[in-house]
Amino acid sequence: MTPGCTTQACDFRDSLDSLAANGIAVVGVSPDKPEKLAKFRDRDALTFPLLSDIDRSVLTAYGAYGEKTMYGKKVTGVIRSTFASTRRA
């Protein structure tokens, strides 16, 4: 529920029609627990699935979890990432 996550999620929410028209589905993945994701979804009226990846296995597989620099310090955490793929029949 950080400002960056909120801005990004709301932008995807507001762009869903355009993305869907181009065959793109939106799914959010987070290491947060399902209960916290439900609050986030409800608070910001998000209409796409938010998936909980508590063990970070999906995030790690996509290179979206690991070492990063935050405020000049090296930390380990979620690396904000966006992946796009069209649906195939």
PDB file of N, CA and C in Angstrom:
ATOM      1  N   MET A   1       0.814  -1.196   0.000  1.00  0.00           N
ATOM      2  CA  MET A   1       0.000   0.000   0.000  1.00  0.00           C
ATOM      3  C   MET A   1       0.858   1.260   0.000  1.00  0.00           C
ATOM      4  N   THR A   2       2.065   1.164  -0.521  1.00  0.00           N
ATOM      5  CA  THR A   2       2.933   2.335  -0.605  1.00  0.00           C
ATOM      6  C   THR A   2       2.440   3.258  -1.718  1.00  0.00           C
ATOM      7  N   PRO A   3       2.840   4.519  -1.681  1.00  0.00           N
ATOM      8  CA  PRO A   3       2.401   5.438  -2.735  1.00  0.00           C
ATOM      9  C   PRO A   3       2.771   4.956  -4.142  1.00  0.00           C
ATOM     10  N   GLY A   4       3.970   4.400  -4.306  1.00  0.00           N
ATOM     11  CA  GLY A   4       4.384   3.916  -5.627  1.00  0.00           C
ATOM     12  C   GLY A   4       3.525   2.763  -6.110  1.00  0.00           C
ATOM     13  N   CYS A   5       3.264   1.805  -5.211  1.00  0.00           N
ATOM     14  CA  CYS A   5       2.410   0.667  -5.579  1.00  0.00           C
ATOM     15  C   CYS A   5       0.990   1.126  -5.901  1.00  0.00           C
ATOM     16  N   THR A   6       0.497   2.059  -5.101  1.00  0.00           N
ATOM     17  CA  THR A   6      -0.859   2.561  -5.320  1.00  0.00           C
ATOM     18  C   THR A   6      -0.974   3.258  -6.665  1.00  0.00           C
ATOM     19  N   THR A   7      -0.017   4.122  -6.981  1.00  0.00           N
ATOM     20  CA  THR A   7      -0.029   4.825  -8.263  1.00  0.00           C
ATOM     21  C   THR A   7       0.015   3.839  -9.420  1.00  0.00           C
ATOM     22  N   GLN A   8       0.918   2.868  -9.331  1.00  0.00           N
ATOM     23  CA  GLN A   8       1.060   1.879 -10.396  1.00  0.00           C
ATOM     24  C   GLN A   8      -0.214   1.049 -10.547  1.00  0.00           C
ATOM     25  N   ALA A   9      -0.749   0.551  -9.441  1.00  0.00           N
ATOM     26  CA  ALA A   9      -1.951  -0.283  -9.497  1.00  0.00           C
ATOM     27  C   ALA A   9      -3.144   0.492 -10.052  1.00  0.00           C
ATOM     28  N   CYS A  10      -3.322   1.735  -9.628  1.00  0.00           N
ATOM     29  CA  CYS A  10      -4.442   2.541 -10.116  1.00  0.00           C
ATOM     30  C   CYS A  10      -4.287   2.868 -11.597  1.00  0.00           C
ATOM     31  N   ASP A  11      -3.051   3.055 -12.056  1.00  0.00           N
ATOM     32  CA  ASP A  11      -2.825   3.292 -13.476  1.00  0.00           C
ATOM     33  C   ASP A  11      -3.218   2.060 -14.289  1.00  0.00           C
ATOM     34  N   PHE A  12      -2.842   0.883 -13.814  1.00  0.00           N
ATOM     35  CA  PHE A  12      -3.262  -0.340 -14.508  1.00  0.00           C
ATOM     36  C   PHE A  12      -4.781  -0.480 -14.473  1.00  0.00           C
ATOM     37  N   ARG A  13      -5.391  -0.220 -13.310  1.00  0.00           N
ATOM     38  CA  ARG A  13      -6.856  -0.290 -13.191  1.00  0.00           C
ATOM     39  C   ARG A  13      -7.525   0.635 -14.207  1.00  0.00           C
ATOM     40  N   ASP A  14      -7.013   1.850 -14.322  1.00  0.00           N
ATOM     41  CA  ASP A  14      -7.609   2.839 -15.217  1.00  0.00           C
ATOM     42  C   ASP A  14      -7.342   2.534 -16.690  1.00  0.00           C
ATOM     43  N   SER A  15      -6.385   1.665 -16.963  1.00  0.00           N
ATOM     44  CA  SER A  15      -6.019   1.324 -18.344  1.00  0.00           C
ATOM     45  C   SER A  15      -6.497  -0.060 -18.766  1.00  0.00           C
ATOM     46  N   LEU A  16      -7.266  -0.741 -17.913  1.00  0.00           N
ATOM     47  CA  LEU A  16      -7.656  -2.128 -18.196  1.00  0.00           C
ATOM     48  C   LEU A  16      -8.380  -2.298 -19.521  1.00  0.00           C
ATOM     49  N   ASP A  17      -9.299  -1.416 -19.850  1.00  0.00           N
ATOM     50  CA  ASP A  17     -10.048  -1.553 -21.105  1.00  0.00           C
ATOM     51  C   ASP A  17      -9.116  -1.502 -22.313  1.00  0.00           C
ATOM     52  N   SER A  18      -8.215  -0.542 -22.309  1.00  0.00           N
ATOM     53  CA  SER A  18      -7.268  -0.404 -23.407  1.00  0.00           C
ATOM     54  C   SER A  18      -6.324  -1.607 -23.479  1.00  0.00           C
ATOM     55  N   LEU A  19      -5.846  -2.055 -22.339  1.00  0.00           N
ATOM     56  CA  LEU A  19      -4.954  -3.211 -22.313  1.00  0.00           C
ATOM     57  C   LEU A  19      -5.678  -4.462 -22.806  1.00  0.00           C
ATOM     58  N   ALA A  20      -6.893  -4.675 -22.312  1.00  0.00           N
ATOM     59  CA  ALA A  20      -7.676  -5.846 -22.733  1.00  0.00           C
ATOM     60  C   ALA A  20      -7.960  -5.810 -24.222  1.00  0.00           C
ATOM     61  N   ALA A  21      -8.225  -4.628 -24.758  1.00  0.00           N
ATOM     62  CA  ALA A  21      -8.483  -4.497 -26.197  1.00  0.00           C
ATOM     63  C   ALA A  21      -7.276  -4.910 -27.027  1.00  0.00           C
ATOM     64  N   ASN A  22      -6.110  -4.863 -26.403  1.00  0.00           N
ATOM     65  CA  ASN A  22      -4.874  -5.277 -27.073  1.00  0.00           C
ATOM     66  C   ASN A  22      -4.430  -6.670 -26.644  1.00  0.00           C
ATOM     67  N   GLY A  23      -5.335  -7.408 -25.994  1.00  0.00           N
ATOM     68  CA  GLY A  23      -5.057  -8.785 -25.611  1.00  0.00           C
ATOM     69  C   GLY A  23      -4.151  -8.944 -24.413  1.00  0.00           C
ATOM     70  N   ILE A  24      -4.050  -7.917 -23.588  1.00  0.00           N
ATOM     71  CA  ILE A  24      -3.166  -7.975 -22.422  1.00  0.00           C
ATOM     72  C   ILE A  24      -4.001  -8.091 -21.149  1.00  0.00           C
ATOM     73  N   ALA A  25      -3.695  -9.110 -20.356  1.00  0.00           N
ATOM     74  CA  ALA A  25      -4.341  -9.300 -19.059  1.00  0.00           C
ATOM     75  C   ALA A  25      -3.415  -8.749 -17.978  1.00  0.00           C
ATOM     76  N   VAL A  26      -3.989  -8.193 -16.931  1.00  0.00           N
ATOM     77  CA  VAL A  26      -3.209  -7.624 -15.832  1.00  0.00           C
ATOM     78  C   VAL A  26      -3.376  -8.501 -14.599  1.00  0.00           C
ATOM     79  N   VAL A  27      -2.240  -8.841 -13.983  1.00  0.00           N
ATOM     80  CA  VAL A  27      -2.209  -9.601 -12.737  1.00  0.00           C
ATOM     81  C   VAL A  27      -1.119  -8.982 -11.873  1.00  0.00           C
ATOM     82  N   GLY A  28      -1.431  -8.702 -10.620  1.00  0.00           N
ATOM     83  CA  GLY A  28      -0.429  -8.188  -9.693  1.00  0.00           C
ATOM     84  C   GLY A  28       0.099  -9.311  -8.829  1.00  0.00           C
ATOM     85  N   VAL A  29       1.401  -9.301  -8.551  1.00  0.00           N
ATOM     86  CA  VAL A  29       2.022 -10.310  -7.694  1.00  0.00           C
ATOM     87  C   VAL A  29       2.778  -9.588  -6.590  1.00  0.00           C
ATOM     88  N   SER A  30       2.574 -10.027  -5.354  1.00  0.00           N
ATOM     89  CA  SER A  30       3.176  -9.374  -4.196  1.00  0.00           C
ATOM     90  C   SER A  30       3.526 -10.417  -3.136  1.00  0.00           C
ATOM     91  N   PRO A  31       4.552 -10.154  -2.325  1.00  0.00           N
ATOM     92  CA  PRO A  31       4.840 -11.074  -1.236  1.00  0.00           C
ATOM     93  C   PRO A  31       3.929 -10.865  -0.023  1.00  0.00           C
ATOM     94  N   ASP A  32       3.017  -9.914  -0.110  1.00  0.00           N
ATOM     95  CA  ASP A  32       2.103  -9.661   1.001  1.00  0.00           C
ATOM     96  C   ASP A  32       1.088 -10.788   1.152  1.00  0.00           C
ATOM     97  N   LYS A  33       0.558 -10.914   2.354  1.00  0.00           N
ATOM     98  CA  LYS A  33      -0.456 -11.936   2.648  1.00  0.00           C
ATOM     99  C   LYS A  33      -1.760 -11.588   1.927  1.00  0.00           C
ATOM    100  N   PRO A  34      -2.563 -12.607   1.617  1.00  0.00           N
ATOM    101  CA  PRO A  34      -3.833 -12.372   0.917  1.00  0.00           C
ATOM    102  C   PRO A  34      -4.729 -11.344   1.609  1.00  0.00           C
ATOM    103  N   GLU A  35      -4.739 -11.343   2.935  1.00  0.00           N
ATOM    104  CA  GLU A  35      -5.590 -10.403   3.672  1.00  0.00           C
ATOM    105  C   GLU A  35      -5.193  -8.951   3.389  1.00  0.00           C
ATOM    106  N   LYS A  36      -3.883  -8.693   3.337  1.00  0.00           N
ATOM    107  CA  LYS A  36      -3.410  -7.333   3.060  1.00  0.00           C
ATOM    108  C   LYS A  36      -3.715  -6.950   1.617  1.00  0.00           C
ATOM    109  N   LEU A  37      -3.561  -7.910   0.699  1.00  0.00           N
ATOM    110  CA  LEU A  37      -3.880  -7.632  -0.704  1.00  0.00           C
ATOM    111  C   LEU A  37      -5.367  -7.344  -0.875  1.00  0.00           C
ATOM    112  N   ALA A  38      -6.224  -8.037  -0.118  1.00  0.00           N
ATOM    113  CA  ALA A  38      -7.668  -7.789  -0.194  1.00  0.00           C
ATOM    114  C   ALA A  38      -7.991  -6.360   0.260  1.00  0.00           C
ATOM    115  N   LYS A  39      -7.330  -5.902   1.313  1.00  0.00           N
ATOM    116  CA  LYS A  39      -7.543  -4.515   1.781  1.00  0.00           C
ATOM    117  C   LYS A  39      -7.098  -3.514   0.717  1.00  0.00           C
ATOM    118  N   PHE A  40      -5.950  -3.785   0.106  1.00  0.00           N
ATOM    119  CA  PHE A  40      -5.422  -2.922  -0.953  1.00  0.00           C
ATOM    120  C   PHE A  40      -6.392  -2.896  -2.127  1.00  0.00           C
ATOM    121  N   ARG A  41      -6.860  -4.067  -2.547  1.00  0.00           N
ATOM    122  CA  ARG A  41      -7.805  -4.170  -3.666  1.00  0.00           C
ATOM    123  C   ARG A  41      -9.081  -3.386  -3.364  1.00  0.00           C
ATOM    124  N   ASP A  42      -9.618  -3.583  -2.163  1.00  0.00           N
ATOM    125  CA  ASP A  42     -10.872  -2.923  -1.799  1.00  0.00           C
ATOM    126  C   ASP A  42     -10.693  -1.415  -1.645  1.00  0.00           C
ATOM    127  N   ARG A  43      -9.596  -1.003  -1.025  1.00  0.00           N
ATOM    128  CA  ARG A  43      -9.357   0.425  -0.793  1.00  0.00           C
ATOM    129  C   ARG A  43      -9.279   1.208  -2.095  1.00  0.00           C
ATOM    130  N   ASP A  44      -8.635   0.592  -3.119  1.00  0.00           N
ATOM    131  CA  ASP A  44      -8.410   1.315  -4.365  1.00  0.00           C
ATOM    132  C   ASP A  44      -9.263   0.803  -5.527  1.00  0.00           C
ATOM    133  N   ALA A  45     -10.280   0.009  -5.209  1.00  0.00           N
ATOM    134  CA  ALA A  45     -11.223  -0.507  -6.213  1.00  0.00           C
ATOM    135  C   ALA A  45     -10.481  -1.156  -7.390  1.00  0.00           C
ATOM    136  N   LEU A  46      -9.500  -1.985  -7.067  1.00  0.00           N
ATOM    137  CA  LEU A  46      -8.748  -2.672  -8.114  1.00  0.00           C
ATOM    138  C   LEU A  46      -9.582  -3.819  -8.658  1.00  0.00           C
ATOM    139  N   THR A  47      -9.611  -3.946  -9.962  1.00  0.00           N
ATOM    140  CA  THR A  47     -10.493  -4.929 -10.603  1.00  0.00           C
ATOM    141  C   THR A  47      -9.720  -6.014 -11.345  1.00  0.00           C
ATOM    142  N   PHE A  48      -8.442  -6.154 -11.021  1.00  0.00           N
ATOM    143  CA  PHE A  48      -7.642  -7.232 -11.593  1.00  0.00           C
ATOM    144  C   PHE A  48      -7.104  -8.072 -10.430  1.00  0.00           C
ATOM    145  N   PRO A  49      -6.742  -9.321 -10.697  1.00  0.00           N
ATOM    146  CA  PRO A  49      -6.293 -10.206  -9.616  1.00  0.00           C
ATOM    147  C   PRO A  49      -4.979  -9.744  -8.991  1.00  0.00           C
ATOM    148  N   LEU A  50      -4.915  -9.861  -7.669  1.00  0.00           N
ATOM    149  CA  LEU A  50      -3.682  -9.638  -6.916  1.00  0.00           C
ATOM    150  C   LEU A  50      -3.315 -10.977  -6.288  1.00  0.00           C
ATOM    151  N   LEU A  51      -2.169 -11.505  -6.652  1.00  0.00           N
ATOM    152  CA  LEU A  51      -1.745 -12.819  -6.185  1.00  0.00           C
ATOM    153  C   LEU A  51      -0.680 -12.686  -5.104  1.00  0.00           C
ATOM    154  N   SER A  52      -0.818 -13.484  -4.056  1.00  0.00           N
ATOM    155  CA  SER A  52       0.121 -13.491  -2.953  1.00  0.00           C
ATOM    156  C   SER A  52       1.228 -14.506  -3.215  1.00  0.00           C
ATOM    157  N   ASP A  53       2.464 -14.039  -3.162  1.00  0.00           N
ATOM    158  CA  ASP A  53       3.645 -14.879  -3.372  1.00  0.00           C
ATOM    159  C   ASP A  53       4.512 -14.794  -2.114  1.00  0.00           C
ATOM    160  N   ILE A  54       3.984 -15.333  -1.025  1.00  0.00           N
ATOM    161  CA  ILE A  54       4.617 -15.186   0.282  1.00  0.00           C
ATOM    162  C   ILE A  54       6.050 -15.710   0.292  1.00  0.00           C
ATOM    163  N   ASP A  55       6.310 -16.811  -0.397  1.00  0.00           N
ATOM    164  CA  ASP A  55       7.677 -17.356  -0.388  1.00  0.00           C
ATOM    165  C   ASP A  55       8.568 -16.718  -1.455  1.00  0.00           C
ATOM    166  N   ARG A  56       8.016 -15.790  -2.214  1.00  0.00           N
ATOM    167  CA  ARG A  56       8.742 -15.008  -3.227  1.00  0.00           C
ATOM    168  C   ARG A  56       9.285 -15.842  -4.389  1.00  0.00           C
ATOM    169  N   SER A  57       8.764 -17.037  -4.569  1.00  0.00           N
ATOM    170  CA  SER A  57       9.275 -17.919  -5.630  1.00  0.00           C
ATOM    171  C   SER A  57       8.959 -17.385  -7.026  1.00  0.00           C
ATOM    172  N   VAL A  58       7.765 -16.840  -7.221  1.00  0.00           N
ATOM    173  CA  VAL A  58       7.401 -16.282  -8.532  1.00  0.00           C
ATOM    174  C   VAL A  58       8.202 -15.004  -8.778  1.00  0.00           C
ATOM    175  N   LEU A  59       8.248 -14.132  -7.785  1.00  0.00           N
ATOM    176  CA  LEU A  59       9.011 -12.890  -7.923  1.00  0.00           C
ATOM    177  C   LEU A  59      10.469 -13.182  -8.251  1.00  0.00           C
ATOM    178  N   THR A  60      11.048 -14.156  -7.576  1.00  0.00           N
ATOM    179  CA  THR A  60      12.443 -14.518  -7.816  1.00  0.00           C
ATOM    180  C   THR A  60      12.625 -15.079  -9.223  1.00  0.00           C
ATOM    181  N   ALA A  61      11.707 -15.937  -9.647  1.00  0.00           N
ATOM    182  CA  ALA A  61      11.798 -16.541 -10.987  1.00  0.00           C
ATOM    183  C   ALA A  61      11.772 -15.480 -12.081  1.00  0.00           C
ATOM    184  N   TYR A  62      11.067 -14.390 -11.852  1.00  0.00           N
ATOM    185  CA  TYR A  62      10.980 -13.313 -12.841  1.00  0.00           C
ATOM    186  C   TYR A  62      12.032 -12.228 -12.627  1.00  0.00           C
ATOM    187  N   GLY A  63      12.916 -12.420 -11.663  1.00  0.00           N
ATOM    188  CA  GLY A  63      13.938 -11.412 -11.398  1.00  0.00           C
ATOM    189  C   GLY A  63      13.383 -10.166 -10.736  1.00  0.00           C
ATOM    190  N   ALA A  64      12.242 -10.295 -10.089  1.00  0.00           N
ATOM    191  CA  ALA A  64      11.573  -9.155  -9.475  1.00  0.00           C
ATOM    192  C   ALA A  64      11.752  -9.140  -7.957  1.00  0.00           C
ATOM    193  N   TYR A  65      12.679  -9.924  -7.462  1.00  0.00           N
ATOM    194  CA  TYR A  65      13.022  -9.916  -6.039  1.00  0.00           C
ATOM    195  C   TYR A  65      14.518 -10.139  -5.923  1.00  0.00           C
ATOM    196  N   GLY A  66      15.178  -9.282  -5.170  1.00  0.00           N
ATOM    197  CA  GLY A  66      16.614  -9.436  -4.993  1.00  0.00           C
ATOM    198  C   GLY A  66      17.239  -8.166  -4.480  1.00  0.00           C
ATOM    199  N   GLU A  67      18.527  -8.036  -4.728  1.00  0.00           N
ATOM    200  CA  GLU A  67      19.265  -6.872  -4.245  1.00  0.00           C
ATOM    201  C   GLU A  67      18.944  -5.648  -5.101  1.00  0.00           C
ATOM    202  N   LYS A  68      18.751  -4.548  -4.414  1.00  0.00           N
ATOM    203  CA  LYS A  68      18.489  -3.274  -5.088  1.00  0.00           C
ATOM    204  C   LYS A  68      19.051  -2.161  -4.222  1.00  0.00           C
ATOM    205  N   THR A  69      19.099  -0.973  -4.752  1.00  0.00           N
ATOM    206  CA  THR A  69      19.558   0.191  -3.996  1.00  0.00           C
ATOM    207  C   THR A  69      18.353   1.049  -3.658  1.00  0.00           C
ATOM    208  N   MET A  70      18.213   1.352  -2.368  1.00  0.00           N
ATOM    209  CA  MET A  70      17.113   2.204  -1.921  1.00  0.00           C
ATOM    210  C   MET A  70      17.683   3.254  -0.970  1.00  0.00           C
ATOM    211  N   TYR A  71      17.495   4.512  -1.325  1.00  0.00           N
ATOM    212  CA  TYR A  71      18.017   5.626  -0.535  1.00  0.00           C
ATOM    213  C   TYR A  71      19.525   5.488  -0.324  1.00  0.00           C
ATOM    214  N   GLY A  72      20.223   5.009  -1.358  1.00  0.00           N
ATOM    215  CA  GLY A  72      21.674   4.902  -1.320  1.00  0.00           C
ATOM    216  C   GLY A  72      22.216   3.665  -0.615  1.00  0.00           C
ATOM    217  N   LYS A  73      21.333   2.797  -0.120  1.00  0.00           N
ATOM    218  CA  LYS A  73      21.772   1.586   0.569  1.00  0.00           C
ATOM    219  C   LYS A  73      21.361   0.359  -0.222  1.00  0.00           C
ATOM    220  N   LYS A  74      22.205  -0.661  -0.178  1.00  0.00           N
ATOM    221  CA  LYS A  74      21.855  -1.939  -0.810  1.00  0.00           C
ATOM    222  C   LYS A  74      20.923  -2.697   0.132  1.00  0.00           C
ATOM    223  N   VAL A  75      19.784  -3.122  -0.398  1.00  0.00           N
ATOM    224  CA  VAL A  75      18.805  -3.888   0.376  1.00  0.00           C
ATOM    225  C   VAL A  75      18.286  -5.027  -0.496  1.00  0.00           C
ATOM    226  N   THR A  76      17.653  -5.990   0.131  1.00  0.00           N
ATOM    227  CA  THR A  76      17.006  -7.066  -0.600  1.00  0.00           C
ATOM    228  C   THR A  76      15.505  -6.866  -0.491  1.00  0.00           C
ATOM    229  N   GLY A  77      14.809  -6.911  -1.628  1.00  0.00           N
ATOM    230  CA  GLY A  77      13.365  -6.717  -1.604  1.00  0.00           C
ATOM    231  C   GLY A  77      12.771  -6.832  -2.987  1.00  0.00           C
ATOM    232  N   VAL A  78      11.529  -6.422  -3.086  1.00  0.00           N
ATOM    233  CA  VAL A  78      10.802  -6.469  -4.352  1.00  0.00           C
ATOM    234  C   VAL A  78      11.376  -5.406  -5.281  1.00  0.00           C
ATOM    235  N   ILE A  79      11.669  -5.806  -6.497  1.00  0.00           N
ATOM    236  CA  ILE A  79      12.141  -4.905  -7.532  1.00  0.00           C
ATOM    237  C   ILE A  79      10.932  -4.618  -8.428  1.00  0.00           C
ATOM    238  N   ARG A  80      10.422  -3.397  -8.342  1.00  0.00           N
ATOM    239  CA  ARG A  80       9.205  -3.052  -9.098  1.00  0.00           C
ATOM    240  C   ARG A  80       9.417  -3.380 -10.568  1.00  0.00           C
ATOM    241  N   SER A  81       8.559  -4.223 -11.105  1.00  0.00           N
ATOM    242  CA  SER A  81       8.722  -4.723 -12.465  1.00  0.00           C
ATOM    243  C   SER A  81       7.374  -4.833 -13.158  1.00  0.00           C
ATOM    244  N   THR A  82       7.387  -4.686 -14.462  1.00  0.00           N
ATOM    245  CA  THR A  82       6.210  -4.880 -15.284  1.00  0.00           C
ATOM    246  C   THR A  82       6.590  -5.781 -16.446  1.00  0.00           C
ATOM    247  N   PHE A  83       5.791  -6.814 -16.657  1.00  0.00           N
ATOM    248  CA  PHE A  83       6.007  -7.733 -17.771  1.00  0.00           C
ATOM    249  C   PHE A  83       4.756  -7.719 -18.618  1.00  0.00           C
ATOM    250  N   ALA A  84       4.917  -7.634 -19.917  1.00  0.00           N
ATOM    251  CA  ALA A  84       3.769  -7.615 -20.822  1.00  0.00           C
ATOM    252  C   ALA A  84       3.848  -8.802 -21.765  1.00  0.00           C
ATOM    253  N   SER A  85       2.707  -9.421 -21.956  1.00  0.00           N
ATOM    254  CA  SER A  85       2.599 -10.547 -22.875  1.00  0.00           C
ATOM    255  C   SER A  85       1.176 -10.596 -23.385  1.00  0.00           C
ATOM    256  N   THR A  86       1.005 -10.844 -24.636  1.00  0.00           N
ATOM    257  CA  THR A  86      -0.351 -10.961 -25.166  1.00  0.00           C
ATOM    258  C   THR A  86      -0.846 -12.382 -24.960  1.00  0.00           C
ATOM    259  N   ARG A  87      -2.152 -12.516 -24.861  1.00  0.00           N
ATOM    260  CA  ARG A  87      -2.774 -13.840 -24.738  1.00  0.00           C
ATOM    261  C   ARG A  87      -2.709 -14.551 -26.059  1.00  0.00           C
ATOM    262  N   ARG A  88      -2.504 -15.824 -26.004  1.00  0.00           N
ATOM    263  CA  ARG A  88      -2.478 -16.631 -27.236  1.00  0.00           C
ATOM    264  C   ARG A  88      -3.563 -17.680 -27.136  1.00  0.00           C
ATOM    265  N   ALA A  89      -4.217 -17.902 -28.252  1.00  0.00           N
ATOM    266  CA  ALA A  89      -5.304 -18.886 -28.290  1.00  0.00           C
ATOM    267  C   ALA A  89      -4.747 -20.296 -28.322  1.00  0.00           C
TER     268      ALA A  89
END
